[in-house]
Amino acid sequence: MAMEELPVTIHNARCLVIGYGRLGKVLARQLRGLGGKVSVAARSYSDLAWAQVWSYGVERSDQLSGWLCAYDLIVNTVPAPVLGREELDDLKPGCLVIDLASKPGGVDFKAASELGVRAIWALSLPGKVAPVTAGLAIRDTVYNILRERGA
């Protein structure tokens, strides 16, 4: 999706992944594999330390204002408001924002539209493009929860 929508290639693009959970970790690695210059934004100091171990740039996800103007691609994985009007107004022209977070998402899409920011909410993306794999992941998660609870 990013490669289709960006005006530049991922190779040498400055990429920010907001959130360093399971999805954020895999995404950062994949973007790096495509030649992106990857930074990670998280609120947990432990997550930021791990991001540094893997040689990613780091940002605090609760202190993004003023730090976003250099990125070509920003991908949010946090299902809470992180990119509001102030943060979106700081983006450089042509920056693409992709929100992969579950509802309520993390991007103010109304503000993005008003500011002319290209923002895509890729809600339910795994289920739309790989429904069998997504279903297996949900099944495994349910089974793991049941095992943890002794069921």
C-alpha atoms as a PDB file:
ATOM      1  CA  MET A   1       0.000   0.000   0.000  1.00  0.00           C
ATOM      2  CA  ALA A   2       2.794   2.428   0.898  1.00  0.00           C
ATOM      3  CA  MET A   3       4.680   1.668  -2.300  1.00  0.00           C
ATOM      4  CA  GLU A   4       1.544   2.277  -4.374  1.00  0.00           C
ATOM      5  CA  GLU A   5       0.647   5.546  -2.655  1.00  0.00           C
ATOM      6  CA  LEU A   6       3.994   7.216  -1.961  1.00  0.00           C
ATOM      7  CA  PRO A   7       5.494   9.687  -4.431  1.00  0.00           C
ATOM      8  CA  VAL A   8       8.937   8.207  -3.599  1.00  0.00           C
ATOM      9  CA  THR A   9      10.236   4.667  -3.163  1.00  0.00           C
ATOM     10  CA  ILE A  10      10.662   3.095   0.272  1.00  0.00           C
ATOM     11  CA  HIS A  11      14.403   2.817  -0.407  1.00  0.00           C
ATOM     12  CA  ASN A  12      16.026   5.752   1.416  1.00  0.00           C
ATOM     13  CA  ALA A  13      12.609   7.084   2.511  1.00  0.00           C
ATOM     14  CA  ARG A  14      12.360   8.316   6.090  1.00  0.00           C
ATOM     15  CA  CYS A  15       9.739   6.089   7.739  1.00  0.00           C
ATOM     16  CA  LEU A  16       8.175   6.396  11.189  1.00  0.00           C
ATOM     17  CA  VAL A  17       6.341   3.507  12.808  1.00  0.00           C
ATOM     18  CA  ILE A  18       4.172   4.649  15.716  1.00  0.00           C
ATOM     19  CA  GLY A  19       3.760   1.858  18.250  1.00  0.00           C
ATOM     20  CA  TYR A  20       6.234  -0.949  18.872  1.00  0.00           C
ATOM     21  CA  GLY A  21       3.979  -3.897  19.643  1.00  0.00           C
ATOM     22  CA  ARG A  22       3.830  -7.019  17.503  1.00  0.00           C
ATOM     23  CA  LEU A  23       2.760  -5.197  14.356  1.00  0.00           C
ATOM     24  CA  GLY A  24       5.141  -2.278  14.868  1.00  0.00           C
ATOM     25  CA  LYS A  25       8.129  -4.588  15.340  1.00  0.00           C
ATOM     26  CA  VAL A  26       7.395  -6.572  12.181  1.00  0.00           C
ATOM     27  CA  LEU A  27       6.602  -3.462  10.159  1.00  0.00           C
ATOM     28  CA  ALA A  28       9.807  -1.672  11.198  1.00  0.00           C
ATOM     29  CA  ARG A  29      11.824  -4.708  10.153  1.00  0.00           C
ATOM     30  CA  GLN A  30      10.046  -4.968   6.788  1.00  0.00           C
ATOM     31  CA  LEU A  31      10.488  -1.264   6.011  1.00  0.00           C
ATOM     32  CA  ARG A  32      14.173  -1.535   6.894  1.00  0.00           C
ATOM     33  CA  GLY A  33      14.398  -4.581   4.605  1.00  0.00           C
ATOM     34  CA  LEU A  34      13.042  -2.436   1.764  1.00  0.00           C
ATOM     35  CA  GLY A  35      15.791   0.108   2.406  1.00  0.00           C
ATOM     36  CA  GLY A  36      13.797   2.590   4.476  1.00  0.00           C
ATOM     37  CA  LYS A  37      15.432   4.753   7.120  1.00  0.00           C
ATOM     38  CA  VAL A  38      13.227   3.672  10.005  1.00  0.00           C
ATOM     39  CA  SER A  39      12.384   5.359  13.275  1.00  0.00           C
ATOM     40  CA  VAL A  40      10.025   4.042  15.928  1.00  0.00           C
ATOM     41  CA  ALA A  41       7.786   6.084  18.222  1.00  0.00           C
ATOM     42  CA  ALA A  42       6.623   4.485  21.449  1.00  0.00           C
ATOM     43  CA  ARG A  43       5.742   5.582  24.962  1.00  0.00           C
ATOM     44  CA  SER A  44       7.400   2.706  26.806  1.00  0.00           C
ATOM     45  CA  TYR A  45      11.059   3.262  27.609  1.00  0.00           C
ATOM     46  CA  SER A  46      11.547  -0.498  27.304  1.00  0.00           C
ATOM     47  CA  ASP A  47      10.163  -0.442  23.743  1.00  0.00           C
ATOM     48  CA  LEU A  48      12.353   2.526  22.859  1.00  0.00           C
ATOM     49  CA  ALA A  49      15.403   0.737  24.258  1.00  0.00           C
ATOM     50  CA  TRP A  50      14.649  -2.333  22.117  1.00  0.00           C
ATOM     51  CA  ALA A  51      14.162  -0.106  19.067  1.00  0.00           C
ATOM     52  CA  GLN A  52      17.590   1.386  19.707  1.00  0.00           C
ATOM     53  CA  VAL A  53      19.097  -2.104  20.000  1.00  0.00           C
ATOM     54  CA  TRP A  54      17.900  -2.721  16.430  1.00  0.00           C
ATOM     55  CA  SER A  55      19.401   0.644  15.346  1.00  0.00           C
ATOM     56  CA  TYR A  56      16.107   2.399  14.665  1.00  0.00           C
ATOM     57  CA  GLY A  57      15.752   6.074  15.376  1.00  0.00           C
ATOM     58  CA  VAL A  58      13.460   6.668  18.344  1.00  0.00           C
ATOM     59  CA  GLU A  59      10.769   9.204  19.182  1.00  0.00           C
ATOM     60  CA  ARG A  60       8.399   9.454  22.129  1.00  0.00           C
ATOM     61  CA  SER A  61       4.864   8.838  20.829  1.00  0.00           C
ATOM     62  CA  ASP A  62       3.478  11.322  23.347  1.00  0.00           C
ATOM     63  CA  GLN A  63       5.880  14.049  22.157  1.00  0.00           C
ATOM     64  CA  LEU A  64       5.587  13.948  18.359  1.00  0.00           C
ATOM     65  CA  SER A  65       4.813  17.628  17.740  1.00  0.00           C
ATOM     66  CA  GLY A  66       7.731  19.346  16.067  1.00  0.00           C
ATOM     67  CA  TRP A  67       9.472  16.105  15.053  1.00  0.00           C
ATOM     68  CA  LEU A  68       7.423  14.903  12.089  1.00  0.00           C
ATOM     69  CA  CYS A  69       8.474  17.262   9.295  1.00  0.00           C
ATOM     70  CA  ALA A  70      11.272  15.023   7.995  1.00  0.00           C
ATOM     71  CA  TYR A  71       9.275  11.842   7.367  1.00  0.00           C
ATOM     72  CA  ASP A  72       8.083  10.552   3.996  1.00  0.00           C
ATOM     73  CA  LEU A  73       5.904   7.806   5.489  1.00  0.00           C
ATOM     74  CA  ILE A  74       4.239   7.527   8.875  1.00  0.00           C
ATOM     75  CA  VAL A  75       2.449   4.333   9.853  1.00  0.00           C
ATOM     76  CA  ASN A  76       0.399   4.272  13.039  1.00  0.00           C
ATOM     77  CA  THR A  77      -0.338   1.017  14.879  1.00  0.00           C
ATOM     78  CA  VAL A  78      -1.696   2.565  18.102  1.00  0.00           C
ATOM     79  CA  PRO A  79      -5.512   2.408  18.565  1.00  0.00           C
ATOM     80  CA  ALA A  80      -5.627   5.750  20.383  1.00  0.00           C
ATOM     81  CA  PRO A  81      -5.327   9.380  19.215  1.00  0.00           C
ATOM     82  CA  VAL A  82      -1.676  10.114  18.398  1.00  0.00           C
ATOM     83  CA  LEU A  83      -1.799  12.176  15.194  1.00  0.00           C
ATOM     84  CA  GLY A  84      -4.050  15.165  15.730  1.00  0.00           C
ATOM     85  CA  ARG A  85      -4.245  18.469  13.883  1.00  0.00           C
ATOM     86  CA  GLU A  86      -1.046  19.827  15.452  1.00  0.00           C
ATOM     87  CA  GLU A  87       1.012  16.776  14.482  1.00  0.00           C
ATOM     88  CA  LEU A  88      -0.521  16.524  10.997  1.00  0.00           C
ATOM     89  CA  ASP A  89       0.135  20.213  10.354  1.00  0.00           C
ATOM     90  CA  ASP A  90       3.839  19.508  10.945  1.00  0.00           C
ATOM     91  CA  LEU A  91       4.147  16.970   8.105  1.00  0.00           C
ATOM     92  CA  LYS A  92       6.125  17.781   4.994  1.00  0.00           C
ATOM     93  CA  PRO A  93       4.255  17.941   1.690  1.00  0.00           C
ATOM     94  CA  GLY A  94       3.813  14.507   0.150  1.00  0.00           C
ATOM     95  CA  CYS A  95       4.127  12.614   3.428  1.00  0.00           C
ATOM     96  CA  LEU A  96       1.827   9.604   3.464  1.00  0.00           C
ATOM     97  CA  VAL A  97       0.059   8.564   6.664  1.00  0.00           C
ATOM     98  CA  ILE A  98      -1.277   5.018   6.988  1.00  0.00           C
ATOM     99  CA  ASP A  99      -3.282   4.051  10.064  1.00  0.00           C
ATOM    100  CA  LEU A 100      -3.249   0.296  10.693  1.00  0.00           C
ATOM    101  CA  ALA A 101      -4.779   0.598  14.169  1.00  0.00           C
ATOM    102  CA  SER A 102      -8.085  -0.891  15.190  1.00  0.00           C
ATOM    103  CA  LYS A 103     -10.961   1.431  16.065  1.00  0.00           C
ATOM    104  CA  PRO A 104     -10.853   4.194  17.128  1.00  0.00           C
ATOM    105  CA  GLY A 105      -7.597   4.515  15.194  1.00  0.00           C
ATOM    106  CA  GLY A 106      -4.916   7.053  15.916  1.00  0.00           C
ATOM    107  CA  VAL A 107      -5.274   9.652  13.154  1.00  0.00           C
ATOM    108  CA  ASP A 108      -7.611  12.633  13.020  1.00  0.00           C
ATOM    109  CA  PHE A 109      -8.839  12.011   9.469  1.00  0.00           C
ATOM    110  CA  LYS A 110     -11.021  15.131   9.423  1.00  0.00           C
ATOM    111  CA  ALA A 111      -8.000  17.312  10.210  1.00  0.00           C
ATOM    112  CA  ALA A 112      -5.898  15.387   7.675  1.00  0.00           C
ATOM    113  CA  SER A 113      -8.470  16.093   4.966  1.00  0.00           C
ATOM    114  CA  GLU A 114      -8.689  19.780   5.878  1.00  0.00           C
ATOM    115  CA  LEU A 115      -4.872  20.068   5.826  1.00  0.00           C
ATOM    116  CA  GLY A 116      -4.504  18.205   2.524  1.00  0.00           C
ATOM    117  CA  VAL A 117      -2.601  15.322   4.119  1.00  0.00           C
ATOM    118  CA  ARG A 118      -2.869  11.979   2.307  1.00  0.00           C
ATOM    119  CA  ALA A 119      -4.065   9.646   5.070  1.00  0.00           C
ATOM    120  CA  ILE A 120      -5.360   6.106   4.684  1.00  0.00           C
ATOM    121  CA  TRP A 121      -7.135   4.089   7.357  1.00  0.00           C
ATOM    122  CA  ALA A 122      -6.360   0.491   6.474  1.00  0.00           C
ATOM    123  CA  LEU A 123      -8.898  -0.942   8.903  1.00  0.00           C
ATOM    124  CA  SER A 124      -9.120  -4.760   8.919  1.00  0.00           C
ATOM    125  CA  LEU A 125      -6.292  -4.990   6.407  1.00  0.00           C
ATOM    126  CA  PRO A 126      -5.151  -8.527   7.294  1.00  0.00           C
ATOM    127  CA  GLY A 127      -8.682  -9.886   7.008  1.00  0.00           C
ATOM    128  CA  LYS A 128      -9.263  -8.147   3.674  1.00  0.00           C
ATOM    129  CA  VAL A 129      -6.118  -9.349   1.929  1.00  0.00           C
ATOM    130  CA  ALA A 130      -5.349 -12.623   3.743  1.00  0.00           C
ATOM    131  CA  PRO A 131      -8.553 -13.846   5.407  1.00  0.00           C
ATOM    132  CA  VAL A 132      -7.374 -17.423   6.017  1.00  0.00           C
ATOM    133  CA  THR A 133      -4.139 -16.296   7.677  1.00  0.00           C
ATOM    134  CA  ALA A 134      -6.012 -13.675   9.716  1.00  0.00           C
ATOM    135  CA  GLY A 135      -8.527 -16.309  10.834  1.00  0.00           C
ATOM    136  CA  LEU A 136      -5.742 -18.676  11.892  1.00  0.00           C
ATOM    137  CA  ALA A 137      -4.093 -15.900  13.908  1.00  0.00           C
ATOM    138  CA  ILE A 138      -7.384 -15.147  15.679  1.00  0.00           C
ATOM    139  CA  ARG A 139      -7.913 -18.872  16.340  1.00  0.00           C
ATOM    140  CA  ASP A 140      -4.426 -19.207  17.830  1.00  0.00           C
ATOM    141  CA  THR A 141      -4.964 -16.132  19.998  1.00  0.00           C
ATOM    142  CA  VAL A 142      -8.256 -17.478  21.354  1.00  0.00           C
ATOM    143  CA  TYR A 143      -6.658 -20.867  22.084  1.00  0.00           C
ATOM    144  CA  ASN A 144      -3.745 -19.183  23.880  1.00  0.00           C
ATOM    145  CA  ILE A 145      -6.111 -17.120  26.028  1.00  0.00           C
ATOM    146  CA  LEU A 146      -8.068 -20.237  26.941  1.00  0.00           C
ATOM    147  CA  ARG A 147      -4.849 -22.108  27.843  1.00  0.00           C
ATOM    148  CA  GLU A 148      -3.663 -19.192  29.986  1.00  0.00           C
ATOM    149  CA  ARG A 149      -6.972 -19.297  31.866  1.00  0.00           C
ATOM    150  CA  GLY A 150      -6.714 -23.053  32.369  1.00  0.00           C
ATOM    151  CA  ALA A 151      -9.646 -23.918  30.141  1.00  0.00           C
END
